[in-house]
């Protein structure tokens, strides 16, 4: 797997805004050929060091990728178990360290699984398998963060 991340350019002129509209915007191109824009938070004290809030922050993309990784696993595990899964949403909330490096220290994932006649034990098992065995992102972030989960099951 590979990815190239490029700063969209140095500040132009005295207003410290690049052609993307942000002094701290980055474009990521993945090995599969997809692109993702990331931006920094605005810095009111030193605008030339901040973003323009035009795209997700890099750490937000880490959290989103983790949610995507574990949701993918949960759906796949349920489908392989021949469960009639029709939807899966995971809401992630997190806390980060106050000092650099500002790693994630707590992450909570709340899953909402929709389907027909799915036992709660099957959802619980799928989440546990993702977190204990399959989701590389969750397992990696678990080195610095206390990761907790909850779920609700909606009959569809």
Protein backbone atom coordinates (compact mmCIF):
# COMPACT_ATOMS: atom_id res chain seq x y z
CA UNK A 1 0.00 0.00 0.00
CA UNK A 2 1.24 3.45 -0.77
CA UNK A 3 0.07 7.04 -0.69
CA UNK A 4 1.56 10.35 -1.77
CA UNK A 5 0.64 13.47 0.19
CA UNK A 6 1.50 16.86 -1.30
CA UNK A 7 1.19 20.31 0.14
CA UNK A 8 -0.89 22.31 -2.33
CA UNK A 9 1.71 25.04 -2.38
CA UNK A 10 3.49 27.73 -0.44
CA UNK A 11 1.57 30.83 0.58
CA UNK A 12 0.97 33.28 -2.23
CA UNK A 13 1.29 36.97 -1.55
CA UNK A 14 0.99 38.54 1.85
CA UNK A 15 -2.37 37.06 2.79
CA UNK A 16 -0.87 33.56 3.19
CA UNK A 17 -3.60 31.89 1.13
CA UNK A 18 -2.67 29.30 -1.49
CA UNK A 19 -4.46 28.59 -4.73
CA UNK A 20 -6.59 26.08 -2.81
CA UNK A 21 -7.73 28.85 -0.47
CA UNK A 22 -5.71 27.53 2.48
CA UNK A 23 -2.16 27.91 3.70
CA UNK A 24 -2.15 24.33 5.06
CA UNK A 25 -4.04 22.22 2.52
CA UNK A 26 -2.74 18.85 1.38
CA UNK A 27 -3.73 16.49 -1.41
CA UNK A 28 -3.32 12.76 -0.85
CA UNK A 29 -3.24 10.38 -3.80
CA UNK A 30 -3.62 6.74 -2.84
CA UNK A 31 -2.03 3.75 -4.51
CA UNK A 32 -5.48 2.80 -5.83
CA UNK A 33 -5.66 6.14 -7.63
CA UNK A 34 -8.09 8.02 -5.38
CA UNK A 35 -7.59 11.49 -3.99
CA UNK A 36 -8.39 13.04 -0.65
CA UNK A 37 -8.02 16.66 0.40
CA UNK A 38 -7.01 17.52 3.97
CA UNK A 39 -6.75 20.93 5.60
CA UNK A 40 -5.59 22.36 8.88
CA UNK A 41 -7.59 24.29 11.43
CA UNK A 42 -7.54 28.07 11.07
CA UNK A 43 -4.94 29.81 13.22
CA UNK A 44 -6.24 33.26 14.19
CA UNK A 45 -2.90 34.30 15.67
CA UNK A 46 -0.75 33.23 12.70
CA UNK A 47 -3.02 32.70 9.67
CA UNK A 48 -0.03 31.69 7.55
CA UNK A 49 0.35 28.59 9.77
CA UNK A 50 -3.30 27.57 9.69
CA UNK A 51 -5.78 26.13 7.31
CA UNK A 52 -9.08 27.50 6.06
CA UNK A 53 -11.33 24.68 7.28
CA UNK A 54 -11.92 23.54 3.68
CA UNK A 55 -11.50 19.81 4.29
CA UNK A 56 -11.09 17.26 7.10
CA UNK A 57 -8.05 17.49 9.37
CA UNK A 58 -5.49 14.71 8.92
CA UNK A 59 -6.36 13.15 12.31
CA UNK A 60 -10.05 13.23 11.39
CA UNK A 61 -9.19 11.12 8.36
CA UNK A 62 -7.39 8.65 10.65
CA UNK A 63 -10.54 8.37 12.78
CA UNK A 64 -12.77 8.09 9.69
CA UNK A 65 -10.52 5.41 8.21
CA UNK A 66 -10.70 3.46 11.44
CA UNK A 67 -14.49 3.64 11.37
CA UNK A 68 -14.52 2.49 7.75
CA UNK A 69 -12.15 -0.37 8.50
CA UNK A 70 -14.18 -1.75 11.41
CA UNK A 71 -17.59 -1.19 9.75
CA UNK A 72 -16.33 -3.07 6.68
CA UNK A 73 -15.31 -5.98 8.90
CA UNK A 74 -18.60 -6.05 10.80
CA UNK A 75 -20.68 -6.11 7.62
CA UNK A 76 -18.48 -8.75 6.00
CA UNK A 77 -18.49 -10.99 9.09
CA UNK A 78 -22.28 -10.76 9.34
CA UNK A 79 -22.73 -11.44 5.62
CA UNK A 80 -20.38 -14.43 5.77
CA UNK A 81 -22.48 -15.73 8.66
CA UNK A 82 -25.48 -15.52 6.31
CA UNK A 83 -27.15 -12.80 8.35
CA UNK A 84 -29.55 -10.47 6.54
CA UNK A 85 -27.64 -7.27 7.29
CA UNK A 86 -29.06 -4.21 5.54
CA UNK A 87 -27.19 -1.33 7.13
CA UNK A 88 -24.29 -0.51 9.40
CA UNK A 89 -23.32 2.86 10.79
CA UNK A 90 -20.58 3.50 13.32
CA UNK A 91 -20.29 6.79 15.20
CA UNK A 92 -16.84 7.42 16.61
CA UNK A 93 -16.09 9.85 19.41
CA UNK A 94 -12.57 10.39 20.64
CA UNK A 95 -10.24 12.19 23.00
CA UNK A 96 -6.65 13.12 22.28
CA UNK A 97 -3.64 13.86 24.44
CA UNK A 98 -3.29 17.53 25.33
CA UNK A 99 0.43 17.67 24.49
CA UNK A 100 2.39 16.60 21.43
CA UNK A 101 2.19 14.04 20.07
CA UNK A 102 -1.56 14.44 20.41
CA UNK A 103 -2.37 10.76 20.02
CA UNK A 104 -5.83 9.36 20.51
CA UNK A 105 -6.26 8.35 24.16
CA UNK A 106 -9.91 7.28 24.07
CA UNK A 107 -12.12 6.16 21.22
CA UNK A 108 -15.71 5.01 21.53
CA UNK A 109 -17.44 3.33 18.61
CA UNK A 110 -21.23 3.05 18.62
CA UNK A 111 -22.55 0.72 15.91
CA UNK A 112 -26.09 0.79 14.59
CA UNK A 113 -26.75 -2.41 12.65
CA UNK A 114 -29.95 -2.79 10.65
CA UNK A 115 -31.17 -6.15 9.41
CA UNK A 116 -33.70 -8.92 9.58
CA UNK A 117 -33.66 -11.45 12.41
CA UNK A 118 -30.04 -10.82 13.40
CA UNK A 119 -29.22 -11.98 16.90
CA UNK A 120 -27.53 -9.44 19.14
CA UNK A 121 -24.89 -12.06 19.90
CA UNK A 122 -23.96 -12.17 16.20
CA UNK A 123 -23.40 -8.39 16.13
CA UNK A 124 -21.44 -8.51 19.36
CA UNK A 125 -19.27 -11.32 17.95
CA UNK A 126 -18.69 -9.46 14.65
CA UNK A 127 -17.58 -6.31 16.50
CA UNK A 128 -15.27 -8.33 18.78
CA UNK A 129 -13.73 -10.19 15.82
CA UNK A 130 -13.10 -6.92 14.02
CA UNK A 131 -11.45 -5.35 17.04
CA UNK A 132 -9.48 -8.39 18.18
CA UNK A 133 -8.37 -9.89 14.87
CA UNK A 134 -9.18 -8.09 11.62
CA UNK A 135 -9.27 -4.29 11.85
CA UNK A 136 -5.67 -3.16 11.48
CA UNK A 137 -6.56 0.45 12.26
CA UNK A 138 -8.38 -0.36 15.50
CA UNK A 139 -5.65 -2.72 16.65
CA UNK A 140 -2.98 -0.13 15.87
CA UNK A 141 -4.82 2.73 17.61
CA UNK A 142 -5.46 0.44 20.56
CA UNK A 143 -1.77 0.82 21.37
CA UNK A 144 -2.40 4.39 22.59
CA UNK A 145 -6.16 4.62 23.04
CA UNK A 146 -8.68 2.90 25.26
CA UNK A 147 -11.20 1.69 22.66
CA UNK A 148 -14.73 0.90 23.75
CA UNK A 149 -17.76 -0.18 21.75
CA UNK A 150 -21.51 -0.30 22.01
CA UNK A 151 -24.20 -1.22 19.53
CA UNK A 152 -27.87 -1.19 18.81
CA UNK A 153 -29.72 -3.51 16.50
CA UNK A 154 -32.63 -2.28 14.41
CA UNK A 155 -35.04 -4.73 12.84
CA UNK A 156 -35.70 -3.88 9.18
